[in-house]
Amino acid sequence: MNLPQQLREHIINQYIKAKAPEGFNDDYNLIDEGILDSLGIMTLIAWLEKQYAIEFDEGDIVLENFNSVKALVDFVQTKRVASEQPTD
């Protein structure tokens, strides 16, 4: 299962808990549509850190990173690449 599909399924199962709303796709605004609130974001952060072995920094917790599945995919991929870079 690829990253976008994993994130979509997790969001549907954990936050929507029913049939996905009409028009739910990778660009669907999770915050404006009420899927994610502040508690949901914190829960999602914990899951993302565990699932993908990434760490969130304080500066990472901005709404733009949680607006959509696409934004989450981009963010997780960026964090994964950064964690693979050797540090000096």
PDB file of N, CA and C in Angstrom:
ATOM      1  N   MET A   1       0.854  -1.172   0.000  1.00  0.00           N
ATOM      2  CA  MET A   1       0.000   0.000   0.000  1.00  0.00           C
ATOM      3  C   MET A   1       0.905   1.242   0.000  1.00  0.00           C
ATOM      4  N   ASN A   2       0.601   2.185  -0.862  1.00  0.00           N
ATOM      5  CA  ASN A   2       1.458   3.362  -0.954  1.00  0.00           C
ATOM      6  C   ASN A   2       1.074   4.415   0.086  1.00  0.00           C
ATOM      7  N   LEU A   3       1.928   5.399   0.266  1.00  0.00           N
ATOM      8  CA  LEU A   3       1.759   6.407   1.305  1.00  0.00           C
ATOM      9  C   LEU A   3       0.428   7.155   1.203  1.00  0.00           C
ATOM     10  N   PRO A   4       0.046   7.694   0.042  1.00  0.00           N
ATOM     11  CA  PRO A   4      -1.247   8.387  -0.019  1.00  0.00           C
ATOM     12  C   PRO A   4      -2.417   7.477   0.370  1.00  0.00           C
ATOM     13  N   GLN A   5      -2.382   6.241  -0.087  1.00  0.00           N
ATOM     14  CA  GLN A   5      -3.466   5.309   0.223  1.00  0.00           C
ATOM     15  C   GLN A   5      -3.503   5.010   1.721  1.00  0.00           C
ATOM     16  N   GLN A   6      -2.337   4.819   2.342  1.00  0.00           N
ATOM     17  CA  GLN A   6      -2.281   4.570   3.787  1.00  0.00           C
ATOM     18  C   GLN A   6      -2.861   5.743   4.558  1.00  0.00           C
ATOM     19  N   LEU A   7      -2.488   6.949   4.166  1.00  0.00           N
ATOM     20  CA  LEU A   7      -2.979   8.136   4.867  1.00  0.00           C
ATOM     21  C   LEU A   7      -4.482   8.312   4.679  1.00  0.00           C
ATOM     22  N   ARG A   8      -4.966   8.115   3.461  1.00  0.00           N
ATOM     23  CA  ARG A   8      -6.415   8.224   3.206  1.00  0.00           C
ATOM     24  C   ARG A   8      -7.177   7.231   4.079  1.00  0.00           C
ATOM     25  N   GLU A   9      -6.735   5.985   4.091  1.00  0.00           N
ATOM     26  CA  GLU A   9      -7.419   4.953   4.867  1.00  0.00           C
ATOM     27  C   GLU A   9      -7.382   5.248   6.362  1.00  0.00           C
ATOM     28  N   HIS A  10      -6.241   5.709   6.846  1.00  0.00           N
ATOM     29  CA  HIS A  10      -6.129   6.044   8.265  1.00  0.00           C
ATOM     30  C   HIS A  10      -7.088   7.183   8.619  1.00  0.00           C
ATOM     31  N   ILE A  11      -7.132   8.208   7.811  1.00  0.00           N
ATOM     32  CA  ILE A  11      -8.010   9.348   8.078  1.00  0.00           C
ATOM     33  C   ILE A  11      -9.471   8.919   8.046  1.00  0.00           C
ATOM     34  N   ILE A  12      -9.843   8.128   7.068  1.00  0.00           N
ATOM     35  CA  ILE A  12     -11.231   7.654   7.000  1.00  0.00           C
ATOM     36  C   ILE A  12     -11.564   6.802   8.225  1.00  0.00           C
ATOM     37  N   ASN A  13     -10.697   5.872   8.576  1.00  0.00           N
ATOM     38  CA  ASN A  13     -10.969   4.960   9.687  1.00  0.00           C
ATOM     39  C   ASN A  13     -10.937   5.630  11.057  1.00  0.00           C
ATOM     40  N   GLN A  14     -10.051   6.591  11.237  1.00  0.00           N
ATOM     41  CA  GLN A  14      -9.869   7.186  12.557  1.00  0.00           C
ATOM     42  C   GLN A  14     -10.643   8.480  12.775  1.00  0.00           C
ATOM     43  N   TYR A  15     -10.871   9.238  11.723  1.00  0.00           N
ATOM     44  CA  TYR A  15     -11.437  10.576  11.904  1.00  0.00           C
ATOM     45  C   TYR A  15     -12.826  10.732  11.290  1.00  0.00           C
ATOM     46  N   ILE A  16     -13.108  10.011  10.240  1.00  0.00           N
ATOM     47  CA  ILE A  16     -14.421  10.114   9.606  1.00  0.00           C
ATOM     48  C   ILE A  16     -15.334   9.030  10.157  1.00  0.00           C
ATOM     49  N   LYS A  17     -14.792   7.822  10.319  1.00  0.00           N
ATOM     50  CA  LYS A  17     -15.492   6.668  10.903  1.00  0.00           C
ATOM     51  C   LYS A  17     -16.798   6.325  10.195  1.00  0.00           C
ATOM     52  N   ALA A  18     -16.885   6.672   8.979  1.00  0.00           N
ATOM     53  CA  ALA A  18     -18.055   6.349   8.153  1.00  0.00           C
ATOM     54  C   ALA A  18     -17.586   6.382   6.709  1.00  0.00           C
ATOM     55  N   LYS A  19     -18.517   6.400   5.835  1.00  0.00           N
ATOM     56  CA  LYS A  19     -18.186   6.512   4.421  1.00  0.00           C
ATOM     57  C   LYS A  19     -17.523   7.874   4.174  1.00  0.00           C
ATOM     58  N   ALA A  20     -16.491   7.867   3.365  1.00  0.00           N
ATOM     59  CA  ALA A  20     -15.804   9.119   3.045  1.00  0.00           C
ATOM     60  C   ALA A  20     -16.787  10.104   2.415  1.00  0.00           C
ATOM     61  N   PRO A  21     -16.675  11.376   2.750  1.00  0.00           N
ATOM     62  CA  PRO A  21     -17.592  12.361   2.174  1.00  0.00           C
ATOM     63  C   PRO A  21     -17.441  12.458   0.661  1.00  0.00           C
ATOM     64  N   GLU A  22     -18.489  12.881   0.009  1.00  0.00           N
ATOM     65  CA  GLU A  22     -18.439  13.055  -1.442  1.00  0.00           C
ATOM     66  C   GLU A  22     -17.324  14.035  -1.779  1.00  0.00           C
ATOM     67  N   GLY A  23     -16.567  13.697  -2.788  1.00  0.00           N
ATOM     68  CA  GLY A  23     -15.460  14.553  -3.212  1.00  0.00           C
ATOM     69  C   GLY A  23     -14.185  14.358  -2.423  1.00  0.00           C
ATOM     70  N   PHE A  24     -14.163  13.346  -1.534  1.00  0.00           N
ATOM     71  CA  PHE A  24     -12.959  13.106  -0.731  1.00  0.00           C
ATOM     72  C   PHE A  24     -11.855  12.582  -1.641  1.00  0.00           C
ATOM     73  N   ASN A  25     -10.809  13.368  -1.755  1.00  0.00           N
ATOM     74  CA  ASN A  25      -9.648  12.981  -2.548  1.00  0.00           C
ATOM     75  C   ASN A  25      -8.411  13.546  -1.871  1.00  0.00           C
ATOM     76  N   ASP A  26      -7.284  13.469  -2.510  1.00  0.00           N
ATOM     77  CA  ASP A  26      -6.039  13.905  -1.884  1.00  0.00           C
ATOM     78  C   ASP A  26      -5.975  15.410  -1.655  1.00  0.00           C
ATOM     79  N   ASP A  27      -6.832  16.180  -2.314  1.00  0.00           N
ATOM     80  CA  ASP A  27      -6.845  17.633  -2.142  1.00  0.00           C
ATOM     81  C   ASP A  27      -7.966  18.112  -1.220  1.00  0.00           C
ATOM     82  N   TYR A  28      -8.783  17.206  -0.726  1.00  0.00           N
ATOM     83  CA  TYR A  28      -9.917  17.543   0.149  1.00  0.00           C
ATOM     84  C   TYR A  28      -9.380  18.248   1.390  1.00  0.00           C
ATOM     85  N   ASN A  29      -9.944  19.406   1.734  1.00  0.00           N
ATOM     86  CA  ASN A  29      -9.429  20.187   2.860  1.00  0.00           C
ATOM     87  C   ASN A  29      -9.914  19.591   4.182  1.00  0.00           C
ATOM     88  N   LEU A  30      -9.019  18.932   4.865  1.00  0.00           N
ATOM     89  CA  LEU A  30      -9.345  18.207   6.090  1.00  0.00           C
ATOM     90  C   LEU A  30      -9.686  19.128   7.255  1.00  0.00           C
ATOM     91  N   ILE A  31      -9.113  20.304   7.266  1.00  0.00           N
ATOM     92  CA  ILE A  31      -9.354  21.247   8.361  1.00  0.00           C
ATOM     93  C   ILE A  31     -10.635  22.037   8.115  1.00  0.00           C
ATOM     94  N   ASP A  32     -10.747  22.654   6.944  1.00  0.00           N
ATOM     95  CA  ASP A  32     -11.935  23.455   6.637  1.00  0.00           C
ATOM     96  C   ASP A  32     -13.213  22.632   6.662  1.00  0.00           C
ATOM     97  N   GLU A  33     -13.119  21.352   6.310  1.00  0.00           N
ATOM     98  CA  GLU A  33     -14.302  20.483   6.274  1.00  0.00           C
ATOM     99  C   GLU A  33     -14.582  19.813   7.623  1.00  0.00           C
ATOM    100  N   GLY A  34     -13.772  20.137   8.634  1.00  0.00           N
ATOM    101  CA  GLY A  34     -14.036  19.637   9.979  1.00  0.00           C
ATOM    102  C   GLY A  34     -13.588  18.210  10.253  1.00  0.00           C
ATOM    103  N   ILE A  35     -12.774  17.652   9.376  1.00  0.00           N
ATOM    104  CA  ILE A  35     -12.269  16.291   9.598  1.00  0.00           C
ATOM    105  C   ILE A  35     -11.210  16.306  10.704  1.00  0.00           C
ATOM    106  N   LEU A  36     -10.298  17.266  10.645  1.00  0.00           N
ATOM    107  CA  LEU A  36      -9.246  17.387  11.653  1.00  0.00           C
ATOM    108  C   LEU A  36      -9.433  18.668  12.458  1.00  0.00           C
ATOM    109  N   ASP A  37      -9.354  18.531  13.782  1.00  0.00           N
ATOM    110  CA  ASP A  37      -9.305  19.682  14.671  1.00  0.00           C
ATOM    111  C   ASP A  37      -7.975  19.601  15.417  1.00  0.00           C
ATOM    112  N   SER A  38      -7.772  20.458  16.407  1.00  0.00           N
ATOM    113  CA  SER A  38      -6.474  20.484  17.080  1.00  0.00           C
ATOM    114  C   SER A  38      -6.144  19.152  17.757  1.00  0.00           C
ATOM    115  N   LEU A  39      -7.117  18.528  18.391  1.00  0.00           N
ATOM    116  CA  LEU A  39      -6.875  17.230  19.020  1.00  0.00           C
ATOM    117  C   LEU A  39      -6.590  16.166  17.962  1.00  0.00           C
ATOM    118  N   GLY A  40      -7.331  16.198  16.861  1.00  0.00           N
ATOM    119  CA  GLY A  40      -7.100  15.262  15.769  1.00  0.00           C
ATOM    120  C   GLY A  40      -5.704  15.399  15.182  1.00  0.00           C
ATOM    121  N   ILE A  41      -5.252  16.638  15.066  1.00  0.00           N
ATOM    122  CA  ILE A  41      -3.904  16.883  14.541  1.00  0.00           C
ATOM    123  C   ILE A  41      -2.855  16.300  15.485  1.00  0.00           C
ATOM    124  N   MET A  42      -3.029  16.484  16.777  1.00  0.00           N
ATOM    125  CA  MET A  42      -2.051  15.955  17.734  1.00  0.00           C
ATOM    126  C   MET A  42      -2.036  14.417  17.713  1.00  0.00           C
ATOM    127  N   THR A  43      -3.211  13.824  17.602  1.00  0.00           N
ATOM    128  CA  THR A  43      -3.298  12.368  17.507  1.00  0.00           C
ATOM    129  C   THR A  43      -2.653  11.874  16.213  1.00  0.00           C
ATOM    130  N   LEU A  44      -2.901  12.593  15.134  1.00  0.00           N
ATOM    131  CA  LEU A  44      -2.315  12.239  13.839  1.00  0.00           C
ATOM    132  C   LEU A  44      -0.797  12.358  13.882  1.00  0.00           C
ATOM    133  N   ILE A  45      -0.294  13.378  14.535  1.00  0.00           N
ATOM    134  CA  ILE A  45       1.163  13.543  14.664  1.00  0.00           C
ATOM    135  C   ILE A  45       1.769  12.319  15.359  1.00  0.00           C
ATOM    136  N   ALA A  46       1.166  11.893  16.452  1.00  0.00           N
ATOM    137  CA  ALA A  46       1.690  10.728  17.179  1.00  0.00           C
ATOM    138  C   ALA A  46       1.695   9.494  16.281  1.00  0.00           C
ATOM    139  N   TRP A  47       0.621   9.302  15.521  1.00  0.00           N
ATOM    140  CA  TRP A  47       0.548   8.150  14.617  1.00  0.00           C
ATOM    141  C   TRP A  47       1.592   8.249  13.509  1.00  0.00           C
ATOM    142  N   LEU A  48       1.734   9.436  12.917  1.00  0.00           N
ATOM    143  CA  LEU A  48       2.711   9.626  11.838  1.00  0.00           C
ATOM    144  C   LEU A  48       4.128   9.360  12.333  1.00  0.00           C
ATOM    145  N   GLU A  49       4.452   9.857  13.524  1.00  0.00           N
ATOM    146  CA  GLU A  49       5.794   9.645  14.067  1.00  0.00           C
ATOM    147  C   GLU A  49       6.074   8.153  14.260  1.00  0.00           C
ATOM    148  N   LYS A  50       5.101   7.449  14.781  1.00  0.00           N
ATOM    149  CA  LYS A  50       5.289   6.013  15.014  1.00  0.00           C
ATOM    150  C   LYS A  50       5.284   5.225  13.704  1.00  0.00           C
ATOM    151  N   GLN A  51       4.330   5.503  12.839  1.00  0.00           N
ATOM    152  CA  GLN A  51       4.148   4.759  11.593  1.00  0.00           C
ATOM    153  C   GLN A  51       5.317   4.933  10.626  1.00  0.00           C
ATOM    154  N   TYR A  52       5.826   6.168  10.535  1.00  0.00           N
ATOM    155  CA  TYR A  52       6.827   6.472   9.509  1.00  0.00           C
ATOM    156  C   TYR A  52       8.201   6.817  10.078  1.00  0.00           C
ATOM    157  N   ALA A  53       8.380   6.620  11.372  1.00  0.00           N
ATOM    158  CA  ALA A  53       9.670   6.860  12.027  1.00  0.00           C
ATOM    159  C   ALA A  53      10.207   8.250  11.710  1.00  0.00           C
ATOM    160  N   ILE A  54       9.335   9.231  11.885  1.00  0.00           N
ATOM    161  CA  ILE A  54       9.749  10.627  11.701  1.00  0.00           C
ATOM    162  C   ILE A  54       9.501  11.367  13.002  1.00  0.00           C
ATOM    163  N   GLU A  55      10.139  12.517  13.143  1.00  0.00           N
ATOM    164  CA  GLU A  55       9.939  13.351  14.321  1.00  0.00           C
ATOM    165  C   GLU A  55       9.464  14.719  13.893  1.00  0.00           C
ATOM    166  N   PHE A  56       8.442  15.193  14.558  1.00  0.00           N
ATOM    167  CA  PHE A  56       7.942  16.535  14.302  1.00  0.00           C
ATOM    168  C   PHE A  56       8.708  17.510  15.170  1.00  0.00           C
ATOM    169  N   ASP A  57       9.083  18.624  14.577  1.00  0.00           N
ATOM    170  CA  ASP A  57       9.648  19.727  15.319  1.00  0.00           C
ATOM    171  C   ASP A  57       8.521  20.714  15.580  1.00  0.00           C
ATOM    172  N   GLU A  58       8.710  21.605  16.526  1.00  0.00           N
ATOM    173  CA  GLU A  58       7.677  22.580  16.853  1.00  0.00           C
ATOM    174  C   GLU A  58       7.247  23.380  15.622  1.00  0.00           C
ATOM    175  N   GLY A  59       8.194  23.727  14.778  1.00  0.00           N
ATOM    176  CA  GLY A  59       7.902  24.505  13.576  1.00  0.00           C
ATOM    177  C   GLY A  59       7.145  23.739  12.509  1.00  0.00           C
ATOM    178  N   ASP A  60       7.054  22.416  12.650  1.00  0.00           N
ATOM    179  CA  ASP A  60       6.340  21.585  11.674  1.00  0.00           C
ATOM    180  C   ASP A  60       4.831  21.593  11.894  1.00  0.00           C
ATOM    181  N   ILE A  61       4.418  22.007  13.073  1.00  0.00           N
ATOM    182  CA  ILE A  61       2.995  21.940  13.417  1.00  0.00           C
ATOM    183  C   ILE A  61       2.311  23.224  12.957  1.00  0.00           C
ATOM    184  N   VAL A  62       2.105  23.269  11.647  1.00  0.00           N
ATOM    185  CA  VAL A  62       1.404  24.388  11.011  1.00  0.00           C
ATOM    186  C   VAL A  62       0.265  23.808  10.176  1.00  0.00           C
ATOM    187  N   LEU A  63      -0.820  24.546  10.077  1.00  0.00           N
ATOM    188  CA  LEU A  63      -2.008  24.040   9.391  1.00  0.00           C
ATOM    189  C   LEU A  63      -1.730  23.602   7.963  1.00  0.00           C
ATOM    190  N   GLU A  64      -0.814  24.261   7.282  1.00  0.00           N
ATOM    191  CA  GLU A  64      -0.523  23.921   5.887  1.00  0.00           C
ATOM    192  C   GLU A  64      -0.089  22.472   5.727  1.00  0.00           C
ATOM    193  N   ASN A  65       0.555  21.910   6.735  1.00  0.00           N
ATOM    194  CA  ASN A  65       1.010  20.518   6.659  1.00  0.00           C
ATOM    195  C   ASN A  65      -0.120  19.511   6.859  1.00  0.00           C
ATOM    196  N   PHE A  66      -1.292  19.979   7.298  1.00  0.00           N
ATOM    197  CA  PHE A  66      -2.405  19.091   7.626  1.00  0.00           C
ATOM    198  C   PHE A  66      -3.665  19.378   6.821  1.00  0.00           C
ATOM    199  N   ASN A  67      -3.584  20.301   5.862  1.00  0.00           N
ATOM    200  CA  ASN A  67      -4.763  20.703   5.089  1.00  0.00           C
ATOM    201  C   ASN A  67      -5.373  19.581   4.280  1.00  0.00           C
ATOM    202  N   SER A  68      -4.554  18.673   3.792  1.00  0.00           N
ATOM    203  CA  SER A  68      -5.050  17.648   2.876  1.00  0.00           C
ATOM    204  C   SER A  68      -4.146  16.419   2.940  1.00  0.00           C
ATOM    205  N   VAL A  69      -4.624  15.351   2.352  1.00  0.00           N
ATOM    206  CA  VAL A  69      -3.787  14.149   2.244  1.00  0.00           C
ATOM    207  C   VAL A  69      -2.535  14.483   1.442  1.00  0.00           C
ATOM    208  N   LYS A  70      -2.684  15.255   0.380  1.00  0.00           N
ATOM    209  CA  LYS A  70      -1.527  15.628  -0.441  1.00  0.00           C
ATOM    210  C   LYS A  70      -0.495  16.386   0.385  1.00  0.00           C
ATOM    211  N   ALA A  71      -0.945  17.342   1.199  1.00  0.00           N
ATOM    212  CA  ALA A  71      -0.021  18.104   2.049  1.00  0.00           C
ATOM    213  C   ALA A  71       0.675  17.178   3.042  1.00  0.00           C
ATOM    214  N   LEU A  72      -0.059  16.236   3.607  1.00  0.00           N
ATOM    215  CA  LEU A  72       0.531  15.275   4.536  1.00  0.00           C
ATOM    216  C   LEU A  72       1.556  14.383   3.846  1.00  0.00           C
ATOM    217  N   VAL A  73       1.232  13.917   2.655  1.00  0.00           N
ATOM    218  CA  VAL A  73       2.169  13.074   1.895  1.00  0.00           C
ATOM    219  C   VAL A  73       3.453  13.849   1.627  1.00  0.00           C
ATOM    220  N   ASP A  74       3.327  15.082   1.143  1.00  0.00           N
ATOM    221  CA  ASP A  74       4.505  15.903   0.856  1.00  0.00           C
ATOM    222  C   ASP A  74       5.341  16.100   2.112  1.00  0.00           C
ATOM    223  N   PHE A  75       4.673  16.388   3.218  1.00  0.00           N
ATOM    224  CA  PHE A  75       5.385  16.623   4.464  1.00  0.00           C
ATOM    225  C   PHE A  75       6.103  15.363   4.941  1.00  0.00           C
ATOM    226  N   VAL A  76       5.401  14.232   4.978  1.00  0.00           N
ATOM    227  CA  VAL A  76       6.008  12.981   5.440  1.00  0.00           C
ATOM    228  C   VAL A  76       7.197  12.604   4.556  1.00  0.00           C
ATOM    229  N   GLN A  77       7.042  12.747   3.246  1.00  0.00           N
ATOM    230  CA  GLN A  77       8.156  12.417   2.345  1.00  0.00           C
ATOM    231  C   GLN A  77       9.355  13.329   2.610  1.00  0.00           C
ATOM    232  N   THR A  78       9.115  14.595   2.837  1.00  0.00           N
ATOM    233  CA  THR A  78      10.198  15.539   3.135  1.00  0.00           C
ATOM    234  C   THR A  78      10.906  15.146   4.431  1.00  0.00           C
ATOM    235  N   LYS A  79      10.132  14.798   5.459  1.00  0.00           N
ATOM    236  CA  LYS A  79      10.722  14.403   6.739  1.00  0.00           C
ATOM    237  C   LYS A  79      11.500  13.089   6.609  1.00  0.00           C
ATOM    238  N   ARG A  80      10.994  12.173   5.824  1.00  0.00           N
ATOM    239  CA  ARG A  80      11.687  10.895   5.634  1.00  0.00           C
ATOM    240  C   ARG A  80      13.018  11.102   4.929  1.00  0.00           C
ATOM    241  N   VAL A  81      13.028  11.930   3.913  1.00  0.00           N
ATOM    242  CA  VAL A  81      14.275  12.213   3.200  1.00  0.00           C
ATOM    243  C   VAL A  81      15.257  12.920   4.132  1.00  0.00           C
ATOM    244  N   ALA A  82      14.775  13.877   4.903  1.00  0.00           N
ATOM    245  CA  ALA A  82      15.643  14.607   5.830  1.00  0.00           C
ATOM    246  C   ALA A  82      16.244  13.679   6.883  1.00  0.00           C
ATOM    247  N   SER A  83      15.481  12.691   7.322  1.00  0.00           N
ATOM    248  CA  SER A  83      15.994  11.784   8.354  1.00  0.00           C
ATOM    249  C   SER A  83      17.053  10.829   7.789  1.00  0.00           C
ATOM    250  N   GLU A  84      17.068  10.686   6.472  1.00  0.00           N
ATOM    251  CA  GLU A  84      18.065   9.813   5.847  1.00  0.00           C
ATOM    252  C   GLU A  84      19.369  10.540   5.548  1.00  0.00           C
ATOM    253  N   GLN A  85      19.356  11.887   5.649  1.00  0.00           N
ATOM    254  CA  GLN A  85      20.556  12.673   5.355  1.00  0.00           C
ATOM    255  C   GLN A  85      21.535  12.545   6.515  1.00  0.00           C
ATOM    256  N   PRO A  86      22.796  12.314   6.208  1.00  0.00           N
ATOM    257  CA  PRO A  86      23.790  12.249   7.277  1.00  0.00           C
ATOM    258  C   PRO A  86      23.977  13.630   7.912  1.00  0.00           C
ATOM    259  N   THR A  87      24.170  13.657   9.215  1.00  0.00           N
ATOM    260  CA  THR A  87      24.430  14.913   9.899  1.00  0.00           C
ATOM    261  C   THR A  87      25.920  15.063  10.134  1.00  0.00           C
ATOM    262  N   ASP A  88      26.385  16.275  10.067  1.00  0.00           N
ATOM    263  CA  ASP A  88      27.820  16.540  10.266  1.00  0.00           C
ATOM    264  C   ASP A  88      28.108  16.878  11.704  1.00  0.00           C
TER     265      ASP A  88
END
